[in-house]
Structures are given as C-alpha cells and as structure tokens.
Amino acid sequence: MKKLKVILLLFVVFPDFVLSQSLDAKVAEIDAYAQRVVDTWKGTSGAGMAIAVVKDDKVVFAKGYGPLRIDGPAQVNENTVFAIASNSKAFTTAALAILVDEKKIAWDDKVSKYLPEFQMYDPWVTSELTIRDLVTHRVGLDTFSGDLLWYETTYSPDEILRRVRYLKPVSSFRTRFGYQNLMFIAAGKVVEKVAGRSWCTFVKERILTPLAMSRTTCSINDLPDNAAWPHNESGGKLRVLNRGNVDGSYSAAALNSSVADLSKWVRLQLGRGKFEGKQIFSEQQSWQMHQQWLAQQVGPSGTPGIQPRHFAGVGMGWFVYDYYGRKVINHSGGLDGMLSYTVLIPEENAGFVILTNSESPTYAVMMNKVRDILVGAPERDYNAEAVKRVADSKREDDEKRAKEDAARVKDTKPSLDLAAYSGKYSDKLYGDVTVSAENDRLVMRFGPSPNFVADLEHWHYDTFQIKWRPSVAYNFPRGFVTFTIDKDGRTDRLSIDQPNNDFWFYELDLRRAK
C-alpha cells in the first residue's frame, strides 16, 4: 500500500513530467514512422517531406526528410518552402473574416454587390449567389469544373471569371457538393474590391506579417532560397518538374510556405484567431469558418475494427468530420508534384502540417498516422495499405490498357490526309486548340496553355492516341482524340477523351473555327 501511495504521489506532484513523457513518445513514433515512409517510396514515386506538429500552442516537432530535388544533394528541412496549393483557400476565408469583423462585408452579402460583372450560367443563381456560397462548394457546378481555365493558362483572374458564365451546372444551387477552385478566385476578387489592394498584399499585411510567416510567398516568381522542386512520374519515371505557374488561381491555390511558417498558422487557427496576444480575426469568425455549411455523405468504414465517421461536411476554406469523438478540421492541397495537408484537432489543442514534393501516397499516409497518434486511435499501418493500394491500381491500369489494346481495330487508316485534320478548333468556355500536320504526324496545341502540347498517333479510323510532350507536367494516363467529319468530308469537331482526376476535357465543345 505504501508503494502505491508513492506512485500516486508522483503522478500528483509531477503531472507535467508524465504528460511530456507521453508527448515525447508520440513525437518519437511520428518521427520513426515518417522515416520509414520516406524510405519505402524513395527512388520510385517519392522525394522529400516536411512535418510540423503543434500541441498546446507550442511547436513540439518540426523536421524534414528526403531531397529538395532527386538529382541534387540538398535535403528538406523545416524551413523548406513547398507549394501548398488548396491550403491557400483557408487564407482567403481568413481574409474575408477580417473584413467581416471590420463590418466591410457580411458572409451573406450578394456577390453582385462587389462583382457586378460576374455571371453564372443561370441568371437566378447569379442574382442569389453570396460570399458564403463562394467558399462552401455548393454553387451547383461539378467538382473541379472549369479548372482548365486556370491550370497552366495565360488567363488573368478577371478573364477566368468572365468565362465562368459558360459552365453548365450539374445540380441545383445549394443542394450538392462540388469542389470549386473558380469560386475561390471570385472570393479573392471580392477581397481586392473591398480592401482596395491586391489579395496578396492584403494577406501579407493582415496575416503573414503579424504571424512572422516571412518565408511564405504568393507566387513561384517570388520564392526564397531552400525551395523544394516538384516531382512525379509523368513520362514513365520519376522526374523533376518545372514549378507550375498558377498565379491565375491566386486566392485558390497559389501560396508557397514551409512547415515552420505554417505551424504559426496552425497556432492561429487553434487559438480561435489569436496569435501571441494579437487578434487577427475574431473568435466568432473562427467558429464561422470551422462550422459545417454543407453536409457530405458518409458510409460505413471499409476496414473492420475502424470507427466509422458519423458526419462530414464543408466549412469555409476547410472540411470537417468526426474521428474517435473529436472534431477534425482539415484541408489538403495538390499541384503537379506537390501534395500537402493541414489538420486541426481542437479538442486535443493540437494540429499539424504535412508538405511533400512528390505524388507518392506519403502525404496521406502521414496525415492519417499523425492524426491517429494524436487522438490515440487503434494501431494501423497506413503505409503498408498504401503499398498494396498502389500495386492494385497499377494492375487495374494494366488490365484497362490491355482491354483498350484488344478493342483497337487494326489495319485502319484515317479517313482524310493528315493535313485535312489541321485547323483551329474553338470552345467558347476555354478558347482555341490548334491541330497541325508536322513531320508526318499531327500535333495538338492548347492556345491558352502553352505547355499543353501533344503528338497525335493514329489509333484507328479517325481516333488518335495522345502523346503528351515533356512540357506537360500532369501525369495523364492514356487518352484519345477523335475527329468527326461533316457531310462535305471536312473535319468539324474535335473530341478529347483524356481520363484523369482533375481536369474535365469533356466540358470542351471544340468545333472547327477555320
């Protein structure tokens, strides 16, 4: 009994010591698992990664792993800058929240009050659209609809938004989730109209500078030293990519940052708008951004023994769901060769950031593992699951490719001479795509997207296989182009069948212009 009293006394007198030991163990587990994950994917589809963990308003872990680029000696550390892509969206809603606090706007103000020239496909939706609608993915458009307007294009944000009027909805207004980058571009434009300065300037002045996020930039044209290079397997093997210019999607996807900088952002979010005594936005607006404004469907867990989600939904610049009795607030980011996660767990007063410079599953594996460690979820080897999932996916892709090969009609020829397929094919949403006959083959070029160039190899009849040139960074699977021929024996339409998970070529109605 005396021995038990001594043990109990130690817990009473030294509770912080006991808790810190527990936290130290969690941090050690994160570090060991991260190294294992990086080693697993090294040399195949992986490159570098950085992680920062915040607990009780302190950065308890910040570390980098792997190379800045696979052909150089420099290694990632906590100050390495990565593209954070759609994690930029929460900065846009925070900028709006600041303007709401200042009573310059309200979340439910009509967008037409600030952007009278902005039009949706349906005039009624145009008249009813609110600022809150812009940032909650509920305007009726499909997920990623219209993203070809900003990805690698020369279009300005104003020109991108002018073309939104041609995007047809796939659901009724405010009834269904459809992830939208274009609406966040419009939200950034609202910030500019109300604040009287650029989105980037406002975010720097009101968020980045007060948080001392000195290495965070709004464009790849303003990167500091120690910036990671993106990698993916486009072209058949892991390669270093050029840094993609997404300035047109500035308020949706253009920020670049490090885990050291973003740990301050996580502290601000967990602090309900307060950082080291400075109130950046109010607690009331924090609750607004972290609430569920549109429900998403959830199903039973596909893994035995894993607790299912009871709810999932869309916040403002964030997503929310429940996990082992805790509310999780999170967002991911993805550009060519750069994948990332920001996660908040308010009931644990904890959050973390994962940044990677490859398209391997490492970012998702580590997001799940760090979250599980912080909430004390049952042990699960996400890395092993990812290895199996990638192998299964490759096998499915090989089977699909074999079926396509078997379905190919051999010994056919194009209906026309190659030169007859040449011409300009236009779509009022996107713009022009040109086809020209060069060196006994067809070459396809996308006018608004100079890097989008492909050789077209005859497949069968008037269908050609797309062979993207190295200037294209996206890792597209095999795709096809089919020409239709009118009654006069002249090509009149170009259809692009390019499977992928982000850019909807089927939205383009490309008809011969000349």
Protein backbone atom coordinates (compact mmCIF):
# COMPACT_ATOMS: atom_id res chain seq x y z
CA MET A 1 0.00 0.00 0.00
CA LYS A 2 2.85 2.41 0.84
CA LYS A 3 4.40 1.70 -2.56
CA LEU A 4 1.09 2.54 -4.29
CA LYS A 5 0.89 5.85 -2.36
CA VAL A 6 4.37 6.80 -3.56
CA ILE A 7 3.40 6.09 -7.18
CA LEU A 8 0.20 8.11 -6.82
CA LEU A 9 2.14 10.97 -5.24
CA LEU A 10 4.49 11.06 -8.22
CA PHE A 11 1.52 11.44 -10.54
CA VAL A 12 0.08 14.24 -8.39
CA VAL A 13 3.32 16.15 -7.90
CA PHE A 14 4.76 15.68 -11.39
CA PRO A 15 1.78 15.59 -13.83
CA ASP A 16 3.59 17.75 -16.43
CA PHE A 17 6.53 15.34 -16.43
CA VAL A 18 4.23 12.38 -17.06
CA LEU A 19 2.38 14.21 -19.85
CA SER A 20 5.58 15.39 -21.51
CA GLN A 21 6.92 11.86 -21.50
CA SER A 22 3.74 10.73 -23.23
CA LEU A 23 4.08 13.53 -25.79
CA ASP A 24 7.74 12.70 -26.31
CA ALA A 25 6.75 9.13 -27.08
CA LYS A 26 4.19 10.30 -29.63
CA VAL A 27 6.70 12.57 -31.31
CA ALA A 28 9.25 9.75 -31.46
CA GLU A 29 6.63 7.48 -33.04
CA ILE A 30 5.81 10.12 -35.66
CA ASP A 31 9.49 10.62 -36.49
CA ALA A 32 10.21 6.91 -36.82
CA TYR A 33 7.16 6.26 -38.97
CA ALA A 34 7.93 9.24 -41.23
CA GLN A 35 11.44 7.95 -41.89
CA ARG A 36 10.05 4.52 -42.68
CA VAL A 37 7.52 6.01 -45.11
CA VAL A 38 10.14 8.11 -46.92
CA ASP A 39 12.41 5.07 -47.21
CA THR A 40 9.55 2.97 -48.62
CA TRP A 41 8.85 5.31 -51.54
CA LYS A 42 12.40 6.52 -52.16
CA GLY A 43 13.51 6.06 -55.74
CA THR A 44 10.09 5.04 -57.06
CA SER A 45 7.45 7.74 -56.67
CA GLY A 46 8.80 9.57 -53.62
CA ALA A 47 11.04 12.53 -52.89
CA GLY A 48 11.02 14.82 -49.83
CA MET A 49 8.64 15.62 -46.99
CA ALA A 50 8.37 18.01 -44.04
CA ILE A 51 6.20 17.74 -40.93
CA ALA A 52 5.35 20.13 -38.09
CA VAL A 53 3.19 19.28 -35.07
CA VAL A 54 1.64 21.84 -32.70
CA LYS A 55 0.39 20.93 -29.24
CA ASP A 56 -0.89 23.38 -26.58
CA ASP A 57 0.27 26.38 -28.63
CA LYS A 58 3.82 25.05 -28.95
CA VAL A 59 5.66 23.55 -31.89
CA VAL A 60 6.62 20.15 -30.49
CA PHE A 61 8.00 18.69 -33.71
CA ALA A 62 9.32 20.13 -36.98
CA LYS A 63 11.53 18.14 -39.31
CA GLY A 64 12.33 17.49 -42.96
CA TYR A 65 13.11 14.25 -44.79
CA GLY A 66 14.50 13.45 -48.21
CA PRO A 67 15.78 15.66 -51.05
CA LEU A 68 14.73 19.07 -52.33
CA ARG A 69 15.17 17.53 -55.77
CA ILE A 70 16.19 13.97 -56.59
CA ASP A 71 19.19 14.99 -58.70
CA GLY A 72 20.84 17.14 -56.02
CA PRO A 73 22.37 16.81 -52.53
CA ALA A 74 20.25 19.41 -50.68
CA GLN A 75 17.85 17.95 -48.10
CA VAL A 76 14.44 19.14 -46.93
CA ASN A 77 14.23 20.78 -43.50
CA GLU A 78 11.53 22.61 -41.53
CA ASN A 79 12.20 25.84 -43.46
CA THR A 80 11.96 24.33 -46.94
CA VAL A 81 9.24 26.06 -48.97
CA PHE A 82 6.68 23.96 -50.87
CA ALA A 83 3.63 24.86 -52.94
CA ILE A 84 0.67 24.42 -50.58
CA ALA A 85 -1.96 24.60 -53.35
CA SER A 86 -5.52 24.47 -51.99
CA ASN A 87 -4.40 25.01 -48.41
CA SER A 88 -4.34 28.61 -49.69
CA LYS A 89 -8.16 28.65 -49.56
CA ALA A 90 -8.25 28.99 -45.76
CA PHE A 91 -6.13 32.14 -46.07
CA THR A 92 -8.76 33.58 -48.40
CA THR A 93 -11.58 32.85 -45.95
CA ALA A 94 -9.47 34.32 -43.13
CA ALA A 95 -9.02 37.48 -45.23
CA LEU A 96 -12.79 37.63 -45.71
CA ALA A 97 -13.28 37.04 -41.97
CA ILE A 98 -11.13 40.08 -41.19
CA LEU A 99 -13.32 42.20 -43.48
CA VAL A 100 -16.44 40.78 -41.80
CA ASP A 101 -15.01 41.75 -38.39
CA GLU A 102 -14.47 45.26 -39.74
CA LYS A 103 -18.12 45.31 -40.96
CA LYS A 104 -16.99 46.00 -44.51
CA ILE A 105 -18.76 42.87 -45.77
CA ALA A 106 -21.10 40.17 -44.46
CA TRP A 107 -20.88 36.47 -45.29
CA ASP A 108 -24.38 36.53 -46.77
CA ASP A 109 -23.88 39.64 -48.90
CA LYS A 110 -24.67 39.09 -52.56
CA VAL A 111 -21.57 38.69 -54.71
CA SER A 112 -23.14 41.00 -57.30
CA LYS A 113 -22.78 43.86 -54.80
CA TYR A 114 -18.99 43.65 -55.20
CA LEU A 115 -18.56 41.92 -58.58
CA PRO A 116 -21.47 43.20 -60.71
CA GLU A 117 -19.85 41.83 -63.87
CA PHE A 118 -19.58 38.24 -62.53
CA GLN A 119 -22.09 35.83 -64.08
CA MET A 120 -23.02 32.22 -63.54
CA TYR A 121 -24.73 30.11 -66.24
CA ASP A 122 -28.14 30.60 -64.58
CA PRO A 123 -29.12 34.29 -64.13
CA TRP A 124 -31.10 33.43 -60.98
CA VAL A 125 -28.01 31.86 -59.39
CA THR A 126 -26.04 34.97 -60.35
CA SER A 127 -28.56 37.14 -58.52
CA GLU A 128 -28.69 34.93 -55.39
CA LEU A 129 -25.01 33.99 -55.07
CA THR A 130 -23.48 35.06 -51.73
CA ILE A 131 -19.93 35.33 -50.43
CA ARG A 132 -20.62 32.30 -48.23
CA ASP A 133 -21.63 30.32 -51.34
CA LEU A 134 -18.30 31.13 -52.97
CA VAL A 135 -16.36 29.39 -50.19
CA THR A 136 -18.60 26.39 -49.41
CA HIS A 137 -18.57 24.44 -52.71
CA ARG A 138 -22.36 24.49 -53.16
CA VAL A 139 -22.99 26.57 -56.30
CA GLY A 140 -24.19 23.63 -58.44
CA LEU A 141 -21.05 23.11 -60.52
CA ASP A 142 -19.25 19.78 -60.72
CA THR A 143 -16.13 19.09 -58.67
CA PHE A 144 -13.15 20.68 -60.49
CA SER A 145 -15.45 22.06 -63.16
CA GLY A 146 -13.68 24.70 -65.23
CA ASP A 147 -10.21 24.05 -63.81
CA LEU A 148 -8.72 24.00 -67.31
CA LEU A 149 -9.30 27.77 -67.26
CA TRP A 150 -6.61 28.41 -64.63
CA TYR A 151 -4.27 25.43 -64.82
CA GLU A 152 -1.09 26.47 -66.67
CA THR A 153 -3.01 29.10 -68.66
CA THR A 154 -2.12 32.68 -69.51
CA TYR A 155 -5.58 33.89 -68.49
CA SER A 156 -5.81 36.59 -65.84
CA PRO A 157 -8.15 36.06 -62.87
CA ASP A 158 -10.58 38.55 -64.46
CA GLU A 159 -10.62 36.61 -67.74
CA ILE A 160 -11.05 33.30 -65.91
CA LEU A 161 -14.08 34.67 -64.06
CA ARG A 162 -15.53 36.16 -67.26
CA ARG A 163 -15.65 32.66 -68.75
CA VAL A 164 -17.44 31.07 -65.76
CA ARG A 165 -20.79 32.04 -67.32
CA TYR A 166 -20.35 29.22 -69.85
CA LEU A 167 -20.05 26.44 -67.22
CA LYS A 168 -23.23 24.42 -67.01
CA PRO A 169 -24.36 23.29 -63.54
CA VAL A 170 -24.78 19.61 -62.68
CA SER A 171 -27.04 20.11 -59.66
CA SER A 172 -29.42 22.65 -58.18
CA PHE A 173 -28.00 25.63 -56.33
CA ARG A 174 -27.00 24.89 -52.68
CA THR A 175 -28.08 21.24 -52.84
CA ARG A 176 -24.92 19.26 -53.58
CA PHE A 177 -21.18 19.39 -53.02
CA GLY A 178 -18.97 20.29 -55.97
CA TYR A 179 -15.39 21.30 -55.14
CA GLN A 180 -14.72 24.65 -56.79
CA ASN A 181 -11.46 26.50 -57.37
CA LEU A 182 -13.08 29.13 -59.58
CA MET A 183 -15.37 30.34 -56.81
CA PHE A 184 -12.37 30.92 -54.56
CA ILE A 185 -10.82 33.04 -57.31
CA ALA A 186 -14.01 35.10 -57.19
CA ALA A 187 -13.71 35.27 -53.38
CA GLY A 188 -10.19 36.66 -53.77
CA LYS A 189 -11.53 39.27 -56.14
CA VAL A 190 -14.09 40.31 -53.50
CA VAL A 191 -11.23 40.82 -51.04
CA GLU A 192 -9.49 43.05 -53.56
CA LYS A 193 -12.57 45.13 -54.37
CA VAL A 194 -13.35 45.76 -50.70
CA ALA A 195 -9.78 46.17 -49.38
CA GLY A 196 -8.61 48.31 -52.28
CA ARG A 197 -5.41 46.35 -52.82
CA SER A 198 -4.33 43.00 -54.20
CA TRP A 199 -5.25 39.77 -52.47
CA CYS A 200 -1.56 39.01 -51.95
CA THR A 201 -0.85 42.42 -50.40
CA PHE A 202 -3.83 42.13 -48.06
CA VAL A 203 -2.90 38.59 -46.96
CA LYS A 204 0.69 39.67 -46.34
CA GLU A 205 -0.27 42.77 -44.37
CA ARG A 206 -3.05 41.27 -42.28
CA ILE A 207 -1.98 37.63 -41.84
CA LEU A 208 1.55 36.70 -42.91
CA THR A 209 3.40 39.67 -41.40
CA PRO A 210 1.62 39.61 -37.99
CA LEU A 211 2.37 35.87 -37.79
CA ALA A 212 6.01 36.40 -38.88
CA MET A 213 5.48 33.98 -41.79
CA SER A 214 8.41 35.57 -43.60
CA ARG A 215 9.14 32.66 -45.98
CA THR A 216 5.58 32.40 -47.31
CA THR A 217 5.01 33.78 -50.83
CA CYS A 218 2.09 34.28 -53.20
CA SER A 219 3.81 33.14 -56.38
CA ILE A 220 6.55 30.86 -57.67
CA ASN A 221 8.06 34.04 -59.12
CA ASP A 222 8.91 35.17 -55.58
CA LEU A 223 10.35 32.02 -53.97
CA PRO A 224 13.07 32.29 -51.31
CA ASP A 225 16.12 30.02 -51.14
CA ASN A 226 15.63 26.46 -49.88
CA ALA A 227 12.54 25.86 -52.04
CA ALA A 228 11.57 22.31 -52.97
CA TRP A 229 11.22 21.13 -56.56
CA PRO A 230 8.17 19.08 -57.59
CA HIS A 231 8.43 15.50 -58.86
CA ASN A 232 6.12 12.95 -60.47
CA GLU A 233 6.20 10.01 -62.85
CA SER A 234 4.84 11.75 -65.95
CA GLY A 235 6.81 10.38 -68.87
CA GLY A 236 7.15 6.96 -67.26
CA LYS A 237 9.62 7.50 -64.44
CA LEU A 238 10.18 9.85 -61.52
CA ARG A 239 11.46 13.20 -62.78
CA VAL A 240 11.97 16.78 -61.63
CA LEU A 241 9.25 19.11 -62.92
CA ASN A 242 9.26 22.80 -63.64
CA ARG A 243 7.40 24.74 -60.98
CA GLY A 244 3.92 25.28 -62.36
CA ASN A 245 2.61 28.83 -62.63
CA VAL A 246 -0.82 29.04 -61.00
CA ASP A 247 -0.91 32.80 -60.46
CA GLY A 248 -4.32 32.92 -62.16
CA SER A 249 -5.74 30.87 -59.29
CA TYR A 250 -4.01 33.01 -56.69
CA SER A 251 -6.67 33.03 -53.94
CA ALA A 252 -7.47 29.34 -54.52
CA ALA A 253 -4.08 27.68 -54.84
CA ALA A 254 -1.04 29.95 -55.23
CA LEU A 255 0.65 30.17 -51.80
CA ASN A 256 4.05 28.63 -51.04
CA SER A 257 5.18 28.00 -47.47
CA SER A 258 7.21 25.89 -45.04
CA VAL A 259 6.11 23.80 -42.07
CA ALA A 260 7.91 26.25 -39.77
CA ASP A 261 5.77 29.10 -41.12
CA LEU A 262 2.58 27.05 -41.26
CA SER A 263 2.96 25.93 -37.65
CA LYS A 264 2.22 29.58 -36.78
CA TRP A 265 -0.88 29.43 -38.98
CA VAL A 266 -1.98 26.27 -37.14
CA ARG A 267 -1.46 28.04 -33.79
CA LEU A 268 -3.61 30.94 -35.01
CA GLN A 269 -6.41 28.58 -36.04
CA LEU A 270 -6.30 26.64 -32.76
CA GLY A 271 -6.18 29.97 -30.94
CA ARG A 272 -9.51 30.97 -32.49
CA GLY A 273 -7.97 33.88 -34.35
CA LYS A 274 -5.43 34.90 -31.71
CA PHE A 275 -1.66 34.51 -32.05
CA GLU A 276 0.76 35.56 -29.31
CA GLY A 277 -1.65 38.15 -27.98
CA LYS A 278 -2.62 39.52 -31.42
CA GLN A 279 -6.25 39.06 -32.51
CA ILE A 280 -6.06 38.53 -36.29
CA PHE A 281 -9.73 37.64 -36.65
CA SER A 282 -12.41 37.21 -34.03
CA GLU A 283 -13.39 34.01 -32.26
CA GLN A 284 -16.85 34.42 -33.76
CA GLN A 285 -15.42 34.32 -37.28
CA SER A 286 -13.28 31.32 -36.34
CA TRP A 287 -16.46 29.45 -35.45
CA GLN A 288 -18.00 30.54 -38.76
CA MET A 289 -15.10 29.14 -40.78
CA HIS A 290 -14.93 25.87 -38.83
CA GLN A 291 -18.66 25.09 -39.00
CA GLN A 292 -20.36 22.67 -41.38
CA TRP A 293 -22.27 24.64 -44.01
CA LEU A 294 -22.93 21.75 -46.37
CA ALA A 295 -23.25 18.11 -45.34
CA GLN A 296 -21.37 15.39 -47.19
CA GLN A 297 -22.47 11.78 -47.33
CA VAL A 298 -20.60 9.26 -45.19
CA GLY A 299 -20.70 5.49 -45.26
CA PRO A 300 -19.60 2.61 -43.05
CA SER A 301 -15.90 2.01 -42.56
CA GLY A 302 -14.44 -0.39 -45.07
CA THR A 303 -11.92 -1.67 -42.54
CA PRO A 304 -13.05 -3.99 -39.70
CA GLY A 305 -12.48 -2.52 -36.25
CA ILE A 306 -12.15 1.05 -37.56
CA GLN A 307 -14.67 3.51 -36.21
CA PRO A 308 -16.88 4.94 -38.99
CA ARG A 309 -17.41 8.65 -39.42
CA HIS A 310 -20.74 9.96 -38.19
CA PHE A 311 -20.63 13.23 -40.10
CA ALA A 312 -18.53 15.04 -42.66
CA GLY A 313 -19.09 18.44 -44.16
CA VAL A 314 -17.82 21.60 -45.76
CA GLY A 315 -16.66 24.54 -43.70
CA MET A 316 -15.38 27.79 -45.18
CA GLY A 317 -11.93 27.08 -46.57
CA TRP A 318 -11.92 23.87 -44.51
CA PHE A 319 -13.55 20.45 -44.28
CA VAL A 320 -14.83 18.97 -41.01
CA TYR A 321 -15.57 15.46 -39.77
CA ASP A 322 -15.68 13.45 -36.54
CA TYR A 323 -13.00 10.94 -35.60
CA TYR A 324 -12.99 8.89 -32.40
CA GLY A 325 -15.05 11.51 -30.61
CA ARG A 326 -13.07 14.51 -31.84
CA LYS A 327 -13.92 17.10 -34.44
CA VAL A 328 -11.24 17.24 -37.12
CA ILE A 329 -10.85 20.35 -39.29
CA ASN A 330 -8.63 19.86 -42.32
CA HIS A 331 -7.76 20.66 -45.91
CA SER A 332 -5.45 19.13 -48.47
CA GLY A 333 -3.53 20.66 -51.34
CA GLY A 334 -2.38 19.26 -54.63
CA LEU A 335 -0.46 20.56 -57.63
CA ASP A 336 1.85 18.74 -60.02
CA GLY A 337 4.47 17.11 -57.79
CA MET A 338 3.38 18.85 -54.57
CA LEU A 339 0.85 17.33 -52.13
CA SER A 340 0.04 18.56 -48.63
CA TYR A 341 -2.29 18.52 -45.62
CA THR A 342 -3.21 20.92 -42.82
CA VAL A 343 -5.08 19.33 -39.89
CA LEU A 344 -6.60 20.82 -36.72
CA ILE A 345 -7.90 18.80 -33.75
CA PRO A 346 -9.24 21.49 -31.39
CA GLU A 347 -10.29 19.15 -28.56
CA GLU A 348 -6.69 17.96 -28.34
CA ASN A 349 -5.45 21.55 -28.79
CA ALA A 350 -3.28 20.04 -31.50
CA GLY A 351 -2.67 20.38 -35.21
CA PHE A 352 -0.10 19.53 -37.82
CA VAL A 353 1.11 20.16 -41.36
CA ILE A 354 2.46 17.68 -43.93
CA LEU A 355 4.21 19.01 -47.07
CA THR A 356 5.66 16.81 -49.83
CA ASN A 357 7.35 17.35 -53.19
CA SER A 358 6.16 14.21 -54.94
CA GLU A 359 2.91 12.48 -55.83
CA SER A 360 3.54 9.39 -53.74
CA PRO A 361 0.99 8.48 -51.02
CA THR A 362 3.35 9.79 -48.29
CA TYR A 363 1.31 12.91 -47.53
CA ALA A 364 -1.91 10.95 -46.96
CA VAL A 365 -0.15 8.13 -45.12
CA MET A 366 1.45 10.57 -42.68
CA MET A 367 -1.72 12.63 -42.28
CA ASN A 368 -3.61 9.54 -41.17
CA LYS A 369 -0.79 8.32 -38.93
CA VAL A 370 -0.15 11.62 -37.16
CA ARG A 371 -3.87 12.15 -36.61
CA ASP A 372 -4.23 8.65 -35.16
CA ILE A 373 -1.27 9.14 -32.82
CA LEU A 374 -2.63 12.45 -31.55
CA VAL A 375 -6.10 11.07 -30.77
CA GLY A 376 -4.97 7.64 -29.58
CA ALA A 377 -6.71 5.67 -32.32
CA PRO A 378 -6.04 1.93 -32.74
CA GLU A 379 -2.78 0.94 -34.42
CA ARG A 380 -2.98 0.83 -38.21
CA ASP A 381 -0.23 0.55 -40.82
CA TYR A 382 -1.32 3.06 -43.46
CA ASN A 383 1.97 2.72 -45.29
CA ALA A 384 1.52 -1.00 -45.90
CA GLU A 385 -2.05 -0.34 -47.04
CA ALA A 386 -0.78 2.30 -49.48
CA VAL A 387 1.83 -0.07 -50.94
CA LYS A 388 -0.90 -2.63 -51.63
CA ARG A 389 -3.29 0.01 -52.99
CA VAL A 390 -0.69 1.32 -55.46
CA ALA A 391 0.11 -2.21 -56.62
CA ASP A 392 -3.60 -2.97 -57.08
CA SER A 393 -4.09 0.27 -59.00
CA LYS A 394 -1.19 -0.50 -61.31
CA ARG A 395 -2.63 -3.92 -62.01
CA GLU A 396 -6.04 -2.40 -62.79
CA ASP A 397 -4.42 0.16 -65.10
CA ASP A 398 -2.55 -2.59 -66.91
CA GLU A 399 -5.79 -4.56 -67.34
CA LYS A 400 -7.58 -1.48 -68.67
CA ARG A 401 -4.76 -0.82 -71.10
CA ALA A 402 -4.86 -4.41 -72.32
CA LYS A 403 -8.63 -4.11 -72.94
CA GLU A 404 -8.07 -0.92 -74.93
CA ASP A 405 -5.39 -2.64 -76.98
CA ALA A 406 -7.70 -5.58 -77.67
CA ALA A 407 -10.53 -3.28 -78.74
CA ARG A 408 -8.34 -1.41 -81.22
CA VAL A 409 -9.38 -2.04 -84.81
CA LYS A 410 -6.23 -2.94 -86.67
CA ASP A 411 -5.24 -2.06 -90.20
CA THR A 412 -7.46 1.02 -90.48
CA LYS A 413 -6.40 4.37 -91.86
CA PRO A 414 -7.55 7.93 -91.24
CA SER A 415 -10.44 8.95 -93.48
CA LEU A 416 -8.52 12.01 -94.70
CA ASP A 417 -4.98 13.08 -95.42
CA LEU A 418 -3.29 14.32 -92.23
CA ALA A 419 -3.25 17.92 -93.49
CA ALA A 420 -7.05 17.85 -93.69
CA TYR A 421 -7.27 17.43 -89.89
CA SER A 422 -5.26 20.61 -89.37
CA GLY A 423 -7.08 23.71 -88.20
CA LYS A 424 -8.30 25.73 -85.27
CA TYR A 425 -10.99 24.21 -83.05
CA SER A 426 -12.67 26.61 -80.63
CA ASP A 427 -14.72 26.38 -77.45
CA LYS A 428 -16.40 29.48 -76.01
CA LEU A 429 -15.53 28.39 -72.45
CA TYR A 430 -11.86 27.55 -72.94
CA GLY A 431 -10.65 29.10 -76.18
CA ASP A 432 -8.69 27.65 -79.10
CA VAL A 433 -6.98 24.31 -79.68
CA THR A 434 -4.98 24.04 -82.89
CA VAL A 435 -4.00 20.93 -84.80
CA SER A 436 -1.24 20.97 -87.40
CA ALA A 437 0.45 18.38 -89.59
CA GLU A 438 4.18 18.33 -88.81
CA ASN A 439 6.74 15.75 -89.96
CA ASP A 440 4.12 13.20 -90.98
CA ARG A 441 2.17 13.42 -87.73
CA LEU A 442 -0.45 15.63 -86.11
CA VAL A 443 0.46 17.98 -83.29
CA MET A 444 -2.16 19.41 -80.92
CA ARG A 445 -1.58 22.72 -79.07
CA PHE A 446 -3.75 24.42 -76.49
CA GLY A 447 -3.75 28.19 -77.11
CA PRO A 448 -4.34 29.42 -73.53
CA SER A 449 -1.96 26.76 -72.14
CA PRO A 450 1.38 26.99 -73.99
CA ASN A 451 2.84 23.94 -72.21
CA PHE A 452 -0.02 21.74 -73.36
CA VAL A 453 1.44 20.19 -76.50
CA ALA A 454 0.82 16.63 -77.70
CA ASP A 455 1.71 14.47 -80.66
CA LEU A 456 -1.26 12.55 -82.04
CA GLU A 457 -0.53 8.97 -83.14
CA HIS A 458 -3.12 7.19 -85.26
CA TRP A 459 -5.12 4.63 -83.27
CA HIS A 460 -7.92 3.58 -85.58
CA TYR A 461 -10.32 5.26 -88.02
CA ASP A 462 -10.39 8.97 -87.06
CA THR A 463 -9.21 8.45 -83.50
CA PHE A 464 -5.65 9.29 -82.43
CA GLN A 465 -3.76 8.48 -79.26
CA ILE A 466 -2.50 11.47 -77.26
CA LYS A 467 1.24 11.52 -76.58
CA TRP A 468 1.88 14.47 -74.28
CA ARG A 469 5.27 16.13 -74.61
CA PRO A 470 7.58 16.61 -71.59
CA SER A 471 6.38 20.21 -71.18
CA VAL A 472 3.19 18.71 -69.71
CA ALA A 473 3.74 18.06 -66.01
CA TYR A 474 0.45 16.34 -65.22
CA ASN A 475 0.77 12.56 -65.14
CA PHE A 476 -2.03 11.80 -67.59
CA PRO A 477 -2.89 8.18 -68.40
CA ARG A 478 -3.52 7.20 -71.99
CA GLY A 479 -6.01 9.42 -73.76
CA PHE A 480 -7.52 9.80 -77.23
CA VAL A 481 -8.67 12.44 -79.69
CA THR A 482 -11.47 11.74 -82.16
CA PHE A 483 -12.36 13.91 -85.15
CA THR A 484 -15.85 13.96 -86.63
CA ILE A 485 -16.34 14.60 -90.32
CA ASP A 486 -19.25 16.56 -91.79
CA LYS A 487 -21.28 15.79 -94.90
CA ASP A 488 -18.78 17.67 -97.04
CA GLY A 489 -15.93 15.40 -95.93
CA ARG A 490 -14.34 18.06 -93.71
CA THR A 491 -13.49 17.72 -90.04
CA ASP A 492 -15.92 19.79 -87.98
CA ARG A 493 -15.34 18.73 -84.38
CA LEU A 494 -12.53 17.61 -82.04
CA SER A 495 -13.41 15.45 -79.02
CA ILE A 496 -10.82 14.85 -76.29
CA ASP A 497 -11.12 11.72 -74.17
CA GLN A 498 -8.38 12.20 -71.58
CA PRO A 499 -9.11 10.31 -68.33
CA ASN A 500 -7.77 11.95 -65.15
CA ASN A 501 -8.98 13.02 -61.73
CA ASP A 502 -8.73 16.82 -62.03
CA PHE A 503 -9.36 18.36 -65.44
CA TRP A 504 -12.54 17.78 -67.40
CA PHE A 505 -11.73 17.87 -71.10
CA TYR A 506 -15.26 16.62 -71.75
CA GLU A 507 -16.51 20.11 -70.82
CA LEU A 508 -14.91 21.43 -74.01
CA ASP A 509 -17.09 21.65 -77.12
CA LEU A 510 -14.34 22.13 -79.68
CA ARG A 511 -15.69 22.96 -83.14
CA ARG A 512 -13.75 23.94 -86.22
CA ALA A 513 -13.27 27.69 -86.42
CA LYS A 514 -11.18 27.71 -89.58
